[in-house]
Amino acid sequence: MISALLVKEKYPMLPVLEKMSWRIRNHINHIDFISVREKSSVYTLRPFTSKRIFHVLDPTLLLERNTWEILAKTKKKRKPYLLVYRVSGNEDVFKIAGNIGRRLNLEVVYINNHKPAIAGIKNIRRVGPRDFITLFRDASFIVTNSFHGTTFSVLFNKDFVTVPHEKRGSRMIDLLHLLKLEDRIITNTDQIGEGYRLQVDYLIPNKILNIERKRSIMFLQRAIEGITE
């Protein structure tokens, strides 16, 4: 009973899912292999099936850094910059980026394809897939509230902070806890005082990522081949 209450408190979607429980159980038990990208989703789905639910990495993380670098554009000489990738929501992303940018003496560059321009920073428009990868690869620091902004920061071993999205933050929080990078989670500017360590040590996170990548690929291979044991 206590564990069930804790799950409901941590995963607010559970009451909604429970209202559809008969439909979910009916459909999910016709699936041979069940995998989810967020560890928290394992607990969310567990009440609806006795089948094993596998936690696997997001597809972006199944590819190694050198594969993504093939898609990037040729590196050009430019002024060092702090990259902001914000999908929506929290305006504190810009305050945090400005704070860190001043500390590191970096130009703040914002990927902004569709939103109104933000004053005081460089807004970059018409960013395609290759431009996107290139901007992450070449950034000196990254501030993001996006899950995939977080994954590419990790893939390119960048110094970064993640400001979890108000509605979709569990995905990035789960990932950063998995990789022992929970100190990269920032919710307000007070957390980045003078004592905050801006540099990221990737020794342990890269080891964990490699293990999880192999495990995820193995699951996918077994699922494709229909191997249940």
Protein backbone atom coordinates (compact mmCIF):
# COMPACT_ATOMS: atom_id res chain seq x y z
CA MET A 1 0.00 0.00 0.00
CA ILE A 2 2.76 2.47 0.95
CA SER A 3 4.78 1.75 -2.19
CA ALA A 4 1.66 2.19 -4.36
CA LEU A 5 0.99 5.59 -2.79
CA LEU A 6 4.58 6.66 -3.33
CA VAL A 7 4.37 5.66 -6.99
CA LYS A 8 1.16 7.71 -7.42
CA GLU A 9 2.79 10.71 -5.79
CA LYS A 10 5.89 10.50 -7.98
CA TYR A 11 4.08 9.64 -11.22
CA PRO A 12 0.96 11.85 -11.52
CA MET A 13 -0.16 10.19 -14.77
CA LEU A 14 -0.90 6.94 -12.92
CA PRO A 15 -4.46 7.88 -11.81
CA VAL A 16 -5.31 8.74 -15.43
CA LEU A 17 -3.92 5.42 -16.62
CA GLU A 18 -5.82 3.53 -13.94
CA LYS A 19 -9.12 4.86 -15.34
CA MET A 20 -8.21 3.13 -18.61
CA SER A 21 -6.70 0.09 -16.90
CA TRP A 22 -8.89 -2.55 -18.58
CA ARG A 23 -8.02 -1.20 -22.03
CA ILE A 24 -4.32 -0.88 -21.23
CA ARG A 25 -4.14 -4.41 -19.80
CA ASN A 26 -5.91 -5.82 -22.83
CA HIS A 27 -3.55 -4.18 -25.32
CA ILE A 28 -0.27 -4.38 -23.46
CA ASN A 29 -0.58 -8.12 -22.85
CA HIS A 30 -0.72 -8.70 -26.61
CA ILE A 31 2.76 -7.19 -26.97
CA ASP A 32 5.59 -9.72 -26.95
CA PHE A 33 8.36 -7.34 -25.89
CA ILE A 34 7.76 -4.19 -23.84
CA SER A 35 10.38 -1.47 -23.49
CA VAL A 36 10.29 2.12 -22.25
CA ARG A 37 12.79 4.95 -22.43
CA GLU A 38 12.26 6.28 -18.90
CA LYS A 39 12.96 4.23 -15.81
CA SER A 40 9.98 5.87 -14.10
CA SER A 41 7.73 4.46 -16.84
CA VAL A 42 8.62 0.93 -15.73
CA TYR A 43 6.88 1.64 -12.41
CA THR A 44 4.00 3.39 -14.16
CA LEU A 45 3.22 0.36 -16.37
CA ARG A 46 4.03 -2.38 -13.88
CA PRO A 47 0.48 -2.52 -12.37
CA PHE A 48 -0.97 -3.31 -15.80
CA THR A 49 0.98 -6.41 -16.78
CA SER A 50 2.89 -9.35 -15.35
CA LYS A 51 5.26 -9.24 -18.34
CA ARG A 52 8.77 -7.94 -17.91
CA ILE A 53 9.18 -4.30 -18.84
CA PHE A 54 12.63 -3.37 -20.09
CA HIS A 55 14.20 0.04 -19.62
CA VAL A 56 16.24 0.95 -22.70
CA LEU A 57 18.07 4.06 -23.84
CA ASP A 58 16.59 6.68 -26.11
CA PRO A 59 17.55 5.95 -29.76
CA THR A 60 19.81 9.03 -29.90
CA LEU A 61 22.02 7.40 -27.26
CA LEU A 62 22.30 4.08 -29.10
CA LEU A 63 24.68 5.74 -31.54
CA GLU A 64 28.17 6.68 -30.39
CA ARG A 65 29.57 10.17 -30.62
CA ASN A 66 31.67 9.51 -33.75
CA THR A 67 28.55 8.44 -35.68
CA TRP A 68 26.80 11.73 -34.91
CA GLU A 69 29.95 13.68 -35.78
CA ILE A 70 29.82 12.29 -39.31
CA LEU A 71 26.54 14.17 -39.78
CA ALA A 72 27.89 17.46 -38.44
CA LYS A 73 29.23 20.19 -40.68
CA THR A 74 32.90 21.05 -41.01
CA LYS A 75 34.11 22.94 -37.98
CA LYS A 76 34.57 26.67 -38.57
CA LYS A 77 36.60 29.09 -36.51
CA ARG A 78 34.23 31.17 -34.40
CA LYS A 79 33.99 32.93 -31.06
CA PRO A 80 33.45 30.49 -28.13
CA TYR A 81 29.78 30.35 -27.17
CA LEU A 82 27.24 29.04 -24.70
CA LEU A 83 24.38 27.28 -26.47
CA VAL A 84 20.78 27.56 -25.28
CA TYR A 85 18.30 24.95 -26.49
CA ARG A 86 14.86 25.54 -25.00
CA VAL A 87 11.75 23.75 -26.26
CA SER A 88 9.21 25.84 -24.29
CA GLY A 89 8.32 26.90 -20.79
CA ASN A 90 10.76 27.96 -18.08
CA GLU A 91 12.10 31.48 -18.66
CA ASP A 92 14.79 30.80 -16.03
CA VAL A 93 16.71 29.02 -18.79
CA PHE A 94 17.78 32.43 -20.11
CA LYS A 95 18.64 33.79 -16.65
CA ILE A 96 20.80 30.74 -15.93
CA ALA A 97 22.44 30.95 -19.37
CA GLY A 98 23.19 34.65 -18.86
CA ASN A 99 24.70 33.99 -15.44
CA ILE A 100 26.97 31.19 -16.68
CA GLY A 101 27.82 33.07 -19.87
CA ARG A 102 29.10 36.03 -17.86
CA ARG A 103 31.12 33.78 -15.56
CA LEU A 104 32.77 32.00 -18.47
CA ASN A 105 32.94 35.04 -20.77
CA LEU A 106 30.95 33.25 -23.49
CA GLU A 107 28.60 34.63 -26.12
CA VAL A 108 25.07 33.25 -25.56
CA VAL A 109 23.61 31.64 -28.68
CA TYR A 110 19.97 30.53 -28.80
CA ILE A 111 18.50 28.00 -31.26
CA ASN A 112 15.31 29.86 -32.11
CA ASN A 113 13.56 28.69 -35.25
CA HIS A 114 10.02 29.88 -34.54
CA LYS A 115 9.74 31.95 -31.35
CA PRO A 116 10.05 35.75 -30.97
CA ALA A 117 13.66 36.91 -30.72
CA ILE A 118 15.15 37.18 -27.24
CA ALA A 119 16.94 40.48 -26.67
CA GLY A 120 20.56 40.54 -25.57
CA ILE A 121 21.54 37.16 -27.02
CA LYS A 122 22.26 35.81 -30.50
CA ASN A 123 19.14 34.18 -31.99
CA ILE A 124 19.92 31.59 -34.68
CA ARG A 125 17.14 30.82 -37.17
CA ARG A 126 16.60 28.09 -39.78
CA VAL A 127 18.56 25.46 -37.86
CA GLY A 128 18.34 22.13 -39.70
CA PRO A 129 19.40 18.69 -38.39
CA ARG A 130 23.05 19.04 -39.40
CA ASP A 131 23.24 22.59 -38.02
CA PHE A 132 21.68 21.34 -34.77
CA ILE A 133 24.31 18.63 -34.30
CA THR A 134 27.10 21.05 -35.25
CA LEU A 135 25.98 23.66 -32.73
CA PHE A 136 26.03 21.09 -29.93
CA ARG A 137 29.38 19.65 -31.00
CA ASP A 138 31.09 23.05 -31.08
CA ALA A 139 29.54 24.66 -27.97
CA SER A 140 31.74 25.49 -24.98
CA PHE A 141 28.78 25.16 -22.61
CA ILE A 142 25.10 24.19 -22.98
CA VAL A 143 21.97 25.19 -21.06
CA THR A 144 18.82 23.26 -22.00
CA ASN A 145 15.38 22.25 -20.77
CA SER A 146 15.04 19.63 -23.50
CA PHE A 147 15.53 15.88 -23.18
CA HIS A 148 17.35 15.66 -26.50
CA GLY A 149 19.31 18.79 -25.65
CA THR A 150 20.47 16.80 -22.63
CA THR A 151 21.28 13.65 -24.63
CA PHE A 152 23.42 15.53 -27.16
CA SER A 153 25.20 17.40 -24.37
CA VAL A 154 26.11 14.02 -22.90
CA LEU A 155 27.01 12.42 -26.23
CA PHE A 156 29.47 15.20 -27.01
CA ASN A 157 30.77 15.23 -23.42
CA LYS A 158 29.94 18.90 -22.97
CA ASP A 159 29.89 21.02 -19.85
CA PHE A 160 26.18 21.68 -19.39
CA VAL A 161 23.21 22.12 -17.10
CA THR A 162 19.66 20.89 -17.59
CA VAL A 163 16.67 22.89 -16.35
CA PRO A 164 13.96 20.18 -16.30
CA HIS A 165 10.86 20.97 -18.34
CA GLU A 166 7.82 21.59 -16.12
CA LYS A 167 5.70 18.89 -17.80
CA ARG A 168 8.23 16.56 -19.41
CA GLY A 169 11.09 16.80 -16.93
CA SER A 170 10.99 13.21 -15.68
CA ARG A 171 12.71 11.95 -18.83
CA MET A 172 15.83 14.07 -18.37
CA ILE A 173 15.87 13.61 -14.59
CA ASP A 174 15.75 9.81 -15.01
CA LEU A 175 18.59 9.92 -17.55
CA LEU A 176 20.85 12.13 -15.46
CA HIS A 177 20.33 10.01 -12.35
CA LEU A 178 21.13 6.89 -14.38
CA LEU A 179 24.42 8.43 -15.56
CA LYS A 180 25.32 9.81 -12.12
CA LEU A 181 25.00 13.34 -13.49
CA GLU A 182 22.25 14.55 -11.16
CA ASP A 183 24.39 17.57 -10.20
CA ARG A 184 23.67 18.90 -13.71
CA ILE A 185 19.99 19.38 -12.77
CA ILE A 186 19.33 23.06 -12.07
CA THR A 187 15.94 24.58 -11.21
CA ASN A 188 16.90 28.19 -10.40
CA THR A 189 19.82 30.62 -10.54
CA ASP A 190 20.49 30.26 -6.78
CA GLN A 191 21.95 26.79 -7.44
CA ILE A 192 24.80 28.11 -9.57
CA GLY A 193 26.66 30.21 -7.04
CA GLU A 194 30.41 30.66 -7.10
CA GLY A 195 30.91 27.22 -5.55
CA TYR A 196 28.98 25.38 -8.28
CA ARG A 197 31.23 23.18 -10.39
CA LEU A 198 30.65 24.01 -14.06
CA GLN A 199 33.00 21.35 -15.45
CA VAL A 200 31.66 17.81 -15.97
CA ASP A 201 33.75 14.71 -15.24
CA TYR A 202 32.62 12.11 -17.82
CA LEU A 203 34.75 9.17 -16.66
CA ILE A 204 31.92 7.35 -14.82
CA PRO A 205 29.00 8.59 -16.99
CA ASN A 206 30.68 7.33 -20.17
CA LYS A 207 31.26 3.90 -18.63
CA ILE A 208 27.62 3.68 -17.57
CA LEU A 209 26.43 4.89 -20.98
CA ASN A 210 28.48 2.24 -22.80
CA ILE A 211 27.07 -0.52 -20.57
CA GLU A 212 23.49 0.71 -21.02
CA ARG A 213 23.97 1.09 -24.77
CA LYS A 214 25.12 -2.52 -25.13
CA ARG A 215 22.27 -3.74 -22.94
CA SER A 216 19.67 -1.76 -24.92
CA ILE A 217 20.97 -2.95 -28.29
CA MET A 218 20.98 -6.54 -27.04
CA PHE A 219 17.32 -6.22 -26.00
CA LEU A 220 16.36 -4.79 -29.40
CA GLN A 221 18.20 -7.55 -31.25
CA ARG A 222 16.51 -10.24 -29.16
CA ALA A 223 13.12 -8.60 -29.65
CA ILE A 224 13.59 -8.45 -33.44
CA GLU A 225 14.67 -12.09 -33.50
CA GLY A 226 11.84 -13.13 -31.17
CA ILE A 227 14.13 -14.56 -28.50
CA THR A 228 12.19 -14.62 -25.23
CA GLU A 229 14.79 -16.15 -22.92
